[in-house]
Amino acid sequence: MKEHELRALIDNVKDGKLTRRSFVNRMLALGLTAPMASQMLDFCGVARADTKFNYNPTKRGGGGALRLLWWQAPTLLNPHFATGTKDQDASRIFYELLAGWDSAGNLVAALAAEIPSRENGGLAADGKSVTWKLKQGVKWHDGKPFTADDVVFNWEFSSDPETATVTSGSYKDVKVEKVDDFTVRVLFDKPTPFWADAFVGTAGMIIPKHLFVDYKGAKSREAPTNLKPVGTGAFKFVDFKPGDMVRAEAFPDYHIPNQPYFDTLEMKGGGDAVSAARAVLQTGEYDYAWNMQVEDAILKRLETGGKGEVHVVPGGNIEFIQLNSTDPWTEVDGERSSIKTKHPAFSDPAVRQAMMLLVDRKSVEDHIYGRTGVATANFLNNPERFNSKNTKYEFSVAKANELLDKAGWKKGADGIREKGGVKLKFVYQTSINAPRQKNQAIVKQAAQQAGIDLELKSVVASVFFSSDVANPDTYP
């Protein structure tokens, strides 16, 4: 698309001739992400409708206890070190971000006083900076005020290589400066259409400077607050047993009036997905269970218990196979799987393409997940309008064999393909969970027919999703 055509589309949105949704759909067809397309409109001064919430409480508390069940238990409560959704979700009980995304892909302010735009001066005309105005009167759970110093510190904390955070990708290429006590500016090296990354979404949760300033860098894992969070959220910390349970209570000085509704919150972790589903659907011990990785046939049986029901809500997460692009057998600077190396087999596009053809997504959907999981070729699937129709998937053992034959991977006497002394023999590991083990079996069977040997490995979830980067059994 040429520049004048793009500008014409933006003008049509401004004039009401084209909806934001239609514009975003067209940008998706060109390969842009939904948030990037939406922020392009923001940058060009196209006003957006405010997100409306139907929840209008008249008082704080009174809702009693909220009992939640995560079958993958959290192991720490610092969002900058969260290695899985369970750690992110547990941290989110206590910590907040400047802004997050609603179900329609729009930015919603949290600790920010407003969403930056061209109209309010938040987005620079050259696209090289964004200015955030912070909400005033916000308190940390220990009574200290939340200010711009906390926001700037989170950038310093996360971007420090010695701190080694999992959120560093959102902060390492930007600079953040304090304008005043309640204003910060994020600076980019070049015009940046996707400006809402730092301090936004799962990587945006903000920790208090006064409790972490002595633990930036090599001492970051020693901070007591990694396990005893002090945030700005609706609930404040009561107790945490890593790998087991998080307990919290309503924060009386929460900055949003009449929230939260519940007086206490308990997030129980561990066990397995089937037991978690049973505790909600059959026994009623818990109010909600997360991410039920349970075969649909089992869920339907449990629903007959009459204590609860399954709500299938399209989400943003997907189950996918992640290939190691580095060499796990070669050590560089004391490190295996160094980014300075290439995987001896997966560096060949033919091998990667063959693996894609050997995943029978339809069988996984039909025989394992049913209504709770839809086969897809996309990473971005929801909201539905953001689901690209241009990407396709195919299951074909024959085509996989053809690709590998042409690439020179020959089958040996043991039936395993080999080229240049490298065999197509891999370890395929995931957390212990019945649907995932059945998924592994489906992929292994197809791979075997193509001359690829997969060693299946199942790891306890608390280990697989732990933060121990030196353990080969942890999620990469």
Protein backbone atom coordinates (compact mmCIF):
# COMPACT_ATOMS: atom_id res chain seq x y z
CA MET A 1 0.00 0.00 0.00
CA LYS A 2 1.31 3.44 -0.93
CA GLU A 3 1.56 6.27 1.58
CA HIS A 4 -1.18 8.39 -0.01
CA GLU A 5 -3.55 5.39 0.08
CA LEU A 6 -2.84 4.85 3.77
CA ARG A 7 -3.39 8.52 4.56
CA ALA A 8 -6.68 8.43 2.65
CA LEU A 9 -7.88 5.50 4.77
CA ILE A 10 -6.94 7.34 7.97
CA ASP A 11 -8.81 10.44 6.77
CA ASN A 12 -11.86 8.26 6.08
CA VAL A 13 -11.76 7.04 9.69
CA LYS A 14 -11.49 10.64 10.90
CA ASP A 15 -14.49 11.63 8.78
CA GLY A 16 -16.58 8.68 9.91
CA LYS A 17 -16.63 7.09 6.45
CA LEU A 18 -14.67 4.06 7.68
CA THR A 19 -14.87 2.42 11.10
CA ARG A 20 -11.81 1.80 13.27
CA ARG A 21 -12.62 -1.91 13.02
CA SER A 22 -12.57 -1.86 9.21
CA PHE A 23 -9.29 0.06 9.19
CA VAL A 24 -7.68 -2.41 11.60
CA ASN A 25 -8.89 -5.33 9.46
CA ARG A 26 -7.26 -3.83 6.37
CA MET A 27 -4.00 -3.30 8.23
CA LEU A 28 -4.08 -6.90 9.47
CA ALA A 29 -4.34 -8.05 5.87
CA LEU A 30 -1.09 -6.15 5.22
CA GLY A 31 0.66 -7.90 8.09
CA LEU A 32 0.36 -5.32 10.88
CA THR A 33 -0.73 -6.35 14.36
CA ALA A 34 -4.03 -5.10 15.77
CA PRO A 35 -2.46 -2.95 18.52
CA MET A 36 -0.06 -1.41 15.99
CA ALA A 37 -2.92 -0.52 13.63
CA SER A 38 -4.93 0.92 16.49
CA GLN A 39 -1.99 3.00 17.70
CA MET A 40 -1.40 4.26 14.17
CA LEU A 41 -4.84 5.86 14.34
CA ASP A 42 -4.06 7.27 17.79
CA PHE A 43 -0.84 8.78 16.48
CA CYS A 44 -2.73 10.41 13.61
CA GLY A 45 -5.21 11.99 15.97
CA VAL A 46 -8.21 9.75 15.38
CA ALA A 47 -10.34 9.83 18.51
CA ARG A 48 -11.43 6.54 20.02
CA ALA A 49 -14.55 5.73 21.98
CA ASP A 50 -13.98 5.25 25.70
CA THR A 51 -14.20 1.68 26.95
CA LYS A 52 -17.45 1.25 28.86
CA PHE A 53 -17.79 -1.10 31.82
CA ASN A 54 -21.16 -2.15 33.15
CA TYR A 55 -19.90 -2.73 36.69
CA ASN A 56 -20.90 0.23 38.89
CA PRO A 57 -20.56 -0.74 42.58
CA THR A 58 -21.93 1.50 45.31
CA LYS A 59 -19.66 0.35 48.11
CA ARG A 60 -16.33 -1.37 48.73
CA GLY A 61 -16.34 -4.97 49.96
CA GLY A 62 -19.17 -7.12 51.20
CA GLY A 63 -18.61 -9.90 48.69
CA GLY A 64 -16.94 -12.31 51.09
CA ALA A 65 -14.20 -14.64 49.91
CA LEU A 66 -13.23 -15.25 46.29
CA ARG A 67 -11.65 -18.69 45.87
CA LEU A 68 -9.61 -19.23 42.71
CA LEU A 69 -7.86 -22.37 41.52
CA TRP A 70 -4.81 -22.39 39.23
CA TRP A 71 -3.66 -25.95 38.65
CA GLN A 72 -0.22 -24.56 37.75
CA ALA A 73 0.88 -22.97 41.02
CA PRO A 74 2.79 -19.66 41.12
CA THR A 75 6.35 -19.82 42.39
CA LEU A 76 7.16 -16.11 42.76
CA LEU A 77 5.35 -12.77 42.86
CA ASN A 78 7.59 -10.39 40.93
CA PRO A 79 6.14 -9.75 37.45
CA HIS A 80 9.59 -8.95 36.03
CA PHE A 81 10.66 -12.54 36.76
CA ALA A 82 7.38 -14.29 35.87
CA THR A 83 8.10 -17.33 33.72
CA GLY A 84 4.51 -18.34 33.05
CA THR A 85 0.93 -17.11 33.10
CA LYS A 86 0.45 -18.42 36.63
CA ASP A 87 3.19 -16.09 37.95
CA GLN A 88 1.90 -13.16 35.89
CA ASP A 89 -1.66 -13.68 37.13
CA ALA A 90 -0.59 -14.05 40.74
CA SER A 91 1.51 -10.88 40.51
CA ARG A 92 -1.41 -9.03 38.93
CA ILE A 93 -3.42 -9.49 42.15
CA PHE A 94 -1.09 -6.94 43.75
CA TYR A 95 0.58 -4.94 40.97
CA GLU A 96 -0.87 -2.62 38.35
CA LEU A 97 0.31 -1.14 35.06
CA LEU A 98 -0.08 2.21 33.39
CA ALA A 99 -2.58 0.78 30.92
CA GLY A 100 -3.88 -2.53 29.65
CA TRP A 101 -5.87 -3.87 26.72
CA ASP A 102 -9.61 -4.49 26.77
CA SER A 103 -11.32 -7.36 24.93
CA ALA A 104 -11.63 -5.23 21.79
CA GLY A 105 -7.93 -4.38 21.64
CA ASN A 106 -8.25 -0.84 23.01
CA LEU A 107 -6.00 0.69 25.66
CA VAL A 108 -7.57 1.23 29.08
CA ALA A 109 -5.87 3.39 31.71
CA ALA A 110 -4.96 1.90 35.10
CA LEU A 111 -2.24 3.89 36.87
CA ALA A 112 -2.21 6.39 34.01
CA ALA A 113 -4.50 9.39 34.33
CA GLU A 114 -5.30 9.18 30.62
CA ILE A 115 -4.29 7.35 27.47
CA PRO A 116 -1.70 9.38 25.51
CA SER A 117 -2.94 10.80 22.20
CA ARG A 118 -2.11 13.54 19.72
CA GLU A 119 -5.00 15.60 21.08
CA ASN A 120 -3.79 15.62 24.69
CA GLY A 121 -0.14 16.05 23.73
CA GLY A 122 0.87 12.59 24.87
CA LEU A 123 2.10 11.43 21.47
CA ALA A 124 4.89 13.44 19.89
CA ALA A 125 4.39 14.58 16.30
CA ASP A 126 7.65 12.92 15.24
CA GLY A 127 6.62 9.58 16.76
CA LYS A 128 9.76 9.44 18.90
CA SER A 129 8.26 9.89 22.35
CA VAL A 130 5.14 9.25 24.41
CA THR A 131 4.27 11.17 27.56
CA TRP A 132 2.28 9.47 30.29
CA LYS A 133 0.42 11.49 32.93
CA LEU A 134 0.06 9.45 36.12
CA LYS A 135 -2.95 9.12 38.35
CA GLN A 136 -2.50 11.10 41.56
CA GLY A 137 -3.44 9.99 45.06
CA VAL A 138 -2.41 6.37 44.45
CA LYS A 139 -0.79 4.61 47.42
CA TRP A 140 1.38 1.56 47.70
CA HIS A 141 0.04 -1.02 50.14
CA ASP A 142 2.51 0.22 52.78
CA GLY A 143 1.09 3.75 52.53
CA LYS A 144 3.91 5.31 50.46
CA PRO A 145 2.79 7.45 47.47
CA PHE A 146 3.07 6.17 43.90
CA THR A 147 5.03 8.67 41.75
CA ALA A 148 6.99 9.04 38.54
CA ASP A 149 10.10 7.84 40.40
CA ASP A 150 8.55 4.37 40.60
CA VAL A 151 7.87 4.29 36.87
CA VAL A 152 11.38 5.41 35.92
CA PHE A 153 12.86 2.87 38.34
CA ASN A 154 10.97 0.01 36.68
CA TRP A 155 12.64 0.92 33.40
CA GLU A 156 16.05 1.00 35.12
CA PHE A 157 15.34 -2.31 36.87
CA SER A 158 14.11 -4.20 33.83
CA SER A 159 16.63 -2.88 31.31
CA ASP A 160 19.64 -3.66 33.51
CA PRO A 161 21.31 -6.79 32.00
CA GLU A 162 22.48 -7.90 35.45
CA THR A 163 18.92 -7.89 36.76
CA ALA A 164 18.07 -10.38 33.98
CA THR A 165 14.32 -9.81 33.86
CA VAL A 166 11.93 -11.58 31.51
CA THR A 167 10.42 -8.18 30.66
CA SER A 168 13.67 -6.63 29.41
CA GLY A 169 12.53 -6.78 25.78
CA SER A 170 9.95 -4.08 26.47
CA TYR A 171 12.46 -1.72 28.10
CA LYS A 172 15.99 -2.25 26.79
CA ASP A 173 15.60 -0.16 23.62
CA VAL A 174 13.87 2.87 25.16
CA LYS A 175 14.80 5.62 27.59
CA VAL A 176 12.46 6.90 30.29
CA GLU A 177 12.70 10.30 31.93
CA LYS A 178 10.83 11.99 34.75
CA VAL A 179 9.07 15.20 33.69
CA ASP A 180 7.56 15.91 37.10
CA ASP A 181 6.26 13.87 40.04
CA PHE A 182 3.29 12.63 38.03
CA THR A 183 4.55 12.68 34.44
CA VAL A 184 7.04 10.45 32.62
CA ARG A 185 8.25 10.42 29.05
CA VAL A 186 9.30 7.33 27.07
CA LEU A 187 11.86 8.14 24.36
CA PHE A 188 12.49 6.09 21.21
CA ASP A 189 15.51 6.19 18.88
CA LYS A 190 13.23 6.41 15.84
CA PRO A 191 9.54 6.94 15.02
CA THR A 192 7.71 4.10 16.74
CA PRO A 193 4.09 3.32 15.79
CA PHE A 194 3.79 0.58 18.42
CA TRP A 195 4.53 2.83 21.39
CA ALA A 196 2.35 1.09 24.00
CA ASP A 197 4.76 -1.61 25.10
CA ALA A 198 6.74 -0.39 28.11
CA PHE A 199 4.50 -0.16 31.21
CA VAL A 200 1.59 -1.76 29.31
CA GLY A 201 0.14 -5.27 29.44
CA THR A 202 1.79 -8.24 31.13
CA ALA A 203 5.25 -6.62 30.95
CA GLY A 204 3.93 -3.38 32.38
CA MET A 205 3.28 -4.19 36.04
CA ILE A 206 5.05 -1.65 38.23
CA ILE A 207 6.97 -2.55 41.39
CA PRO A 208 7.85 0.00 44.14
CA LYS A 209 11.21 1.73 43.92
CA HIS A 210 11.60 2.14 47.68
CA LEU A 211 11.50 -1.63 48.23
CA PHE A 212 13.56 -2.77 45.22
CA VAL A 213 16.15 -0.02 44.74
CA ASP A 214 18.71 -1.96 46.81
CA TYR A 215 18.13 -5.11 44.75
CA LYS A 216 18.66 -3.91 41.19
CA GLY A 217 21.24 -5.91 39.30
CA ALA A 218 22.95 -9.07 40.52
CA LYS A 219 21.07 -9.05 43.86
CA SER A 220 17.63 -8.89 42.24
CA ARG A 221 16.66 -12.46 43.17
CA GLU A 222 17.41 -11.76 46.85
CA ALA A 223 14.69 -9.12 47.31
CA PRO A 224 12.25 -10.18 50.07
CA THR A 225 9.47 -8.44 48.15
CA ASN A 226 9.80 -11.03 45.37
CA LEU A 227 7.73 -13.24 47.67
CA LYS A 228 5.91 -10.59 49.73
CA PRO A 229 4.62 -8.07 47.19
CA VAL A 230 3.67 -4.50 48.01
CA GLY A 231 1.66 -3.12 45.12
CA THR A 232 -1.02 -0.56 44.30
CA GLY A 233 -3.75 -3.06 43.38
CA ALA A 234 -7.17 -3.75 44.83
CA PHE A 235 -5.82 -6.52 47.08
CA LYS A 236 -2.87 -6.45 49.46
CA PHE A 237 -0.65 -9.33 50.46
CA VAL A 238 -1.47 -11.67 53.35
CA ASP A 239 0.44 -14.89 52.74
CA PHE A 240 2.25 -16.86 50.03
CA LYS A 241 3.41 -20.45 49.94
CA PRO A 242 5.32 -20.91 46.66
CA GLY A 243 3.94 -23.77 44.63
CA ASP A 244 0.79 -23.81 46.75
CA MET A 245 -1.28 -20.75 47.68
CA VAL A 246 -1.53 -16.95 47.57
CA ARG A 247 -3.80 -15.13 50.03
CA ALA A 248 -4.82 -11.46 49.87
CA GLU A 249 -7.31 -9.06 51.40
CA ALA A 250 -9.03 -5.93 50.13
CA PHE A 251 -6.87 -2.80 50.22
CA PRO A 252 -8.92 -0.12 52.04
CA ASP A 253 -7.08 2.77 50.34
CA TYR A 254 -7.44 1.46 46.79
CA HIS A 255 -7.54 4.35 44.33
CA ILE A 256 -10.72 3.25 42.51
CA PRO A 257 -13.83 4.06 44.59
CA ASN A 258 -16.04 1.18 45.77
CA GLN A 259 -13.63 -1.52 44.65
CA PRO A 260 -12.91 -4.34 45.20
CA TYR A 261 -16.18 -6.19 45.76
CA PHE A 262 -14.63 -9.22 47.45
CA ASP A 263 -13.20 -8.96 50.97
CA THR A 264 -10.56 -11.64 50.57
CA LEU A 265 -8.97 -13.54 47.72
CA GLU A 266 -7.37 -16.96 47.73
CA MET A 267 -5.46 -18.30 44.73
CA LYS A 268 -4.78 -21.99 45.23
CA GLY A 269 -2.26 -23.70 42.98
CA GLY A 270 -0.94 -27.14 42.25
CA GLY A 271 -2.53 -30.49 41.63
CA ASP A 272 -3.77 -31.23 38.16
CA ALA A 273 -6.30 -29.75 35.75
CA VAL A 274 -8.91 -32.47 36.24
CA SER A 275 -8.87 -32.06 40.02
CA ALA A 276 -9.20 -28.30 39.58
CA ALA A 277 -12.19 -28.71 37.29
CA ARG A 278 -13.78 -31.15 39.73
CA ALA A 279 -13.35 -28.69 42.63
CA VAL A 280 -15.50 -26.13 40.79
CA LEU A 281 -17.93 -28.20 38.74
CA GLN A 282 -18.56 -31.16 41.02
CA THR A 283 -17.80 -30.26 44.64
CA GLY A 284 -18.12 -26.46 44.56
CA GLU A 285 -15.09 -25.93 46.81
CA TYR A 286 -13.83 -23.12 44.57
CA ASP A 287 -15.51 -20.33 42.62
CA TYR A 288 -13.35 -20.36 39.50
CA ALA A 289 -10.70 -22.55 37.91
CA TRP A 290 -8.28 -21.22 35.31
CA ASN A 291 -7.29 -22.60 31.91
CA MET A 292 -8.93 -25.99 32.14
CA GLN A 293 -6.55 -28.13 30.11
CA VAL A 294 -8.97 -31.01 30.42
CA GLU A 295 -10.45 -33.15 27.69
CA ASP A 296 -13.85 -31.82 26.75
CA ALA A 297 -15.51 -35.19 27.32
CA ILE A 298 -14.37 -35.12 30.96
CA LEU A 299 -15.58 -31.54 31.43
CA LYS A 300 -19.02 -32.49 30.14
CA ARG A 301 -19.25 -35.33 32.68
CA LEU A 302 -18.17 -33.06 35.54
CA GLU A 303 -20.76 -30.43 34.59
CA THR A 304 -23.50 -32.91 35.46
CA GLY A 305 -22.46 -32.42 39.12
CA GLY A 306 -24.55 -29.26 39.10
CA LYS A 307 -22.16 -27.10 41.15
CA GLY A 308 -20.77 -25.08 38.26
CA GLU A 309 -20.58 -24.75 34.52
CA VAL A 310 -17.92 -24.37 31.86
CA HIS A 311 -17.71 -20.96 30.21
CA VAL A 312 -15.73 -21.14 26.97
CA VAL A 313 -14.31 -17.69 26.25
CA PRO A 314 -12.03 -17.12 23.26
CA GLY A 315 -8.66 -16.14 24.67
CA GLY A 316 -5.35 -14.78 23.53
CA ASN A 317 -3.25 -17.80 24.50
CA ILE A 318 -2.39 -20.68 22.20
CA GLU A 319 -0.78 -24.09 22.57
CA PHE A 320 2.19 -24.28 20.21
CA ILE A 321 5.44 -26.16 19.72
CA GLN A 322 8.49 -23.98 20.21
CA LEU A 323 11.59 -25.13 18.34
CA ASN A 324 15.03 -24.45 19.80
CA SER A 325 16.87 -22.31 17.25
CA THR A 326 20.16 -22.61 19.17
CA ASP A 327 22.55 -25.52 19.65
CA PRO A 328 21.92 -27.27 23.00
CA TRP A 329 25.02 -29.45 22.66
CA THR A 330 27.64 -26.77 22.00
CA GLU A 331 28.95 -24.63 24.85
CA VAL A 332 29.88 -21.01 24.18
CA ASP A 333 31.20 -18.77 26.96
CA GLY A 334 30.11 -21.36 29.51
CA GLU A 335 26.57 -21.47 28.15
CA ARG A 336 24.71 -24.10 26.18
CA SER A 337 22.01 -23.04 23.73
CA SER A 338 23.85 -19.75 23.36
CA ILE A 339 22.26 -17.25 20.99
CA LYS A 340 25.64 -17.24 19.25
CA THR A 341 24.95 -20.75 17.95
CA LYS A 342 22.53 -22.28 15.46
CA HIS A 343 20.67 -25.54 15.88
CA PRO A 344 22.27 -28.17 13.61
CA ALA A 345 18.88 -29.38 12.34
CA PHE A 346 16.29 -26.66 12.93
CA SER A 347 18.50 -24.10 11.17
CA ASP A 348 17.40 -25.89 7.97
CA PRO A 349 14.07 -24.38 6.83
CA ALA A 350 13.04 -27.74 5.36
CA VAL A 351 13.12 -29.35 8.81
CA ARG A 352 11.04 -26.58 10.33
CA GLN A 353 8.54 -26.74 7.48
CA ALA A 354 8.31 -30.51 7.84
CA MET A 355 7.58 -30.19 11.55
CA MET A 356 4.77 -27.77 10.73
CA LEU A 357 3.25 -30.31 8.34
CA LEU A 358 3.45 -33.08 10.95
CA VAL A 359 1.17 -31.46 13.54
CA ASP A 360 -2.36 -32.83 13.11
CA ARG A 361 -4.17 -29.84 14.57
CA LYS A 362 -7.62 -31.05 13.56
CA SER A 363 -7.23 -34.34 15.43
CA VAL A 364 -6.03 -32.45 18.51
CA GLU A 365 -9.13 -30.26 18.34
CA ASP A 366 -11.60 -33.06 17.60
CA HIS A 367 -10.31 -35.70 20.01
CA ILE A 368 -8.85 -33.68 22.88
CA TYR A 369 -10.03 -30.09 23.29
CA GLY A 370 -13.41 -30.08 21.56
CA ARG A 371 -15.26 -26.81 22.29
CA THR A 372 -12.46 -25.58 24.56
CA GLY A 373 -9.75 -25.29 21.89
CA VAL A 374 -9.92 -24.37 18.22
CA ALA A 375 -7.18 -25.32 15.76
CA THR A 376 -5.40 -22.29 14.34
CA ALA A 377 -2.45 -21.17 12.26
CA ASN A 378 -2.27 -17.77 13.96
CA PHE A 379 -0.67 -16.44 17.11
CA LEU A 380 -3.22 -13.62 17.23
CA ASN A 381 -6.73 -15.05 17.22
CA ASN A 382 -8.92 -12.78 19.32
CA PRO A 383 -10.86 -10.60 19.05
CA GLU A 384 -12.16 -12.51 16.03
CA ARG A 385 -11.77 -9.58 13.65
CA PHE A 386 -8.00 -9.67 14.20
CA ASN A 387 -7.74 -13.31 13.10
CA SER A 388 -5.88 -13.30 9.79
CA LYS A 389 -7.52 -15.29 7.02
CA ASN A 390 -4.28 -15.31 5.04
CA THR A 391 -2.46 -17.90 7.15
CA LYS A 392 -3.26 -21.58 6.69
CA TYR A 393 -2.12 -24.84 8.19
CA GLU A 394 -1.89 -28.27 6.63
CA PHE A 395 -1.28 -31.78 7.90
CA SER A 396 0.57 -33.98 5.41
CA VAL A 397 3.10 -36.68 6.21
CA ALA A 398 3.67 -37.18 2.48
CA LYS A 399 4.65 -33.54 1.91
CA ALA A 400 6.90 -33.59 4.97
CA ASN A 401 8.73 -36.63 3.58
CA GLU A 402 9.04 -34.96 0.19
CA LEU A 403 10.51 -31.79 1.71
CA LEU A 404 13.08 -33.71 3.73
CA ASP A 405 14.04 -35.90 0.77
CA LYS A 406 14.72 -32.84 -1.39
CA ALA A 407 16.73 -31.23 1.41
CA GLY A 408 19.05 -34.25 1.57
CA TRP A 409 17.90 -35.76 4.86
CA LYS A 410 18.17 -39.51 4.21
CA LYS A 411 16.64 -42.30 6.28
CA GLY A 412 19.13 -44.63 7.93
CA ALA A 413 18.79 -48.30 8.83
CA ASP A 414 16.98 -47.28 12.02
CA GLY A 415 14.44 -45.26 10.03
CA ILE A 416 15.73 -41.92 11.38
CA ARG A 417 16.78 -39.28 8.86
CA GLU A 418 20.35 -37.99 8.88
CA LYS A 419 22.51 -35.49 7.02
CA GLY A 420 26.12 -34.54 7.64
CA GLY A 421 26.26 -36.62 10.80
CA VAL A 422 23.21 -34.89 12.28
CA LYS A 423 20.16 -37.02 13.06
CA LEU A 424 16.60 -35.75 13.20
CA LYS A 425 16.22 -36.87 16.79
CA PHE A 426 14.76 -34.42 19.30
CA VAL A 427 13.44 -34.17 22.85
CA TYR A 428 9.82 -32.96 22.90
CA GLN A 429 8.96 -31.86 26.42
CA THR A 430 6.04 -30.15 28.12
CA SER A 431 4.34 -30.04 31.51
CA ILE A 432 2.48 -33.05 32.93
CA ASN A 433 -1.11 -32.77 31.77
CA ALA A 434 -3.26 -35.40 30.04
CA PRO A 435 -4.22 -33.34 26.95
CA ARG A 436 -0.61 -32.28 26.44
CA GLN A 437 0.65 -35.85 26.69
CA LYS A 438 -1.97 -36.96 24.14
CA ASN A 439 -0.92 -34.04 21.95
CA GLN A 440 2.68 -35.22 22.18
CA ALA A 441 1.66 -38.73 21.16
CA ILE A 442 -0.21 -37.48 18.08
CA VAL A 443 2.80 -35.45 16.91
CA LYS A 444 5.27 -38.28 17.65
CA GLN A 445 3.27 -40.75 15.59
CA ALA A 446 3.25 -38.49 12.54
CA ALA A 447 6.92 -37.53 12.95
CA GLN A 448 7.92 -41.17 13.09
CA GLN A 449 6.33 -41.73 9.68
CA ALA A 450 8.54 -38.95 8.32
CA GLY A 451 11.78 -40.30 9.77
CA ILE A 452 11.92 -37.96 12.76
CA ASP A 453 12.40 -39.49 16.20
CA LEU A 454 10.82 -37.61 19.10
CA GLU A 455 11.68 -38.52 22.68
CA LEU A 456 8.66 -37.50 24.75
CA LYS A 457 9.34 -35.93 28.12
CA SER A 458 6.78 -34.76 30.70
CA VAL A 459 7.83 -32.39 33.47
CA VAL A 460 5.98 -31.43 36.66
CA ALA A 461 4.34 -28.05 36.00
CA SER A 462 5.97 -26.34 38.99
CA VAL A 463 9.39 -27.25 37.55
CA PHE A 464 8.57 -26.70 33.87
CA PHE A 465 7.31 -23.16 34.55
CA SER A 466 9.86 -22.30 37.25
CA SER A 467 12.38 -19.44 37.00
CA ASP A 468 15.46 -21.68 37.19
CA VAL A 469 17.12 -20.83 33.88
CA ALA A 470 19.90 -23.36 34.53
CA ASN A 471 17.45 -26.27 34.68
CA PRO A 472 17.00 -27.90 31.24
CA ASP A 473 13.49 -28.97 32.28
CA THR A 474 12.18 -25.39 32.53
CA TYR A 475 10.16 -23.66 29.84
CA PRO A 476 12.55 -21.59 27.66
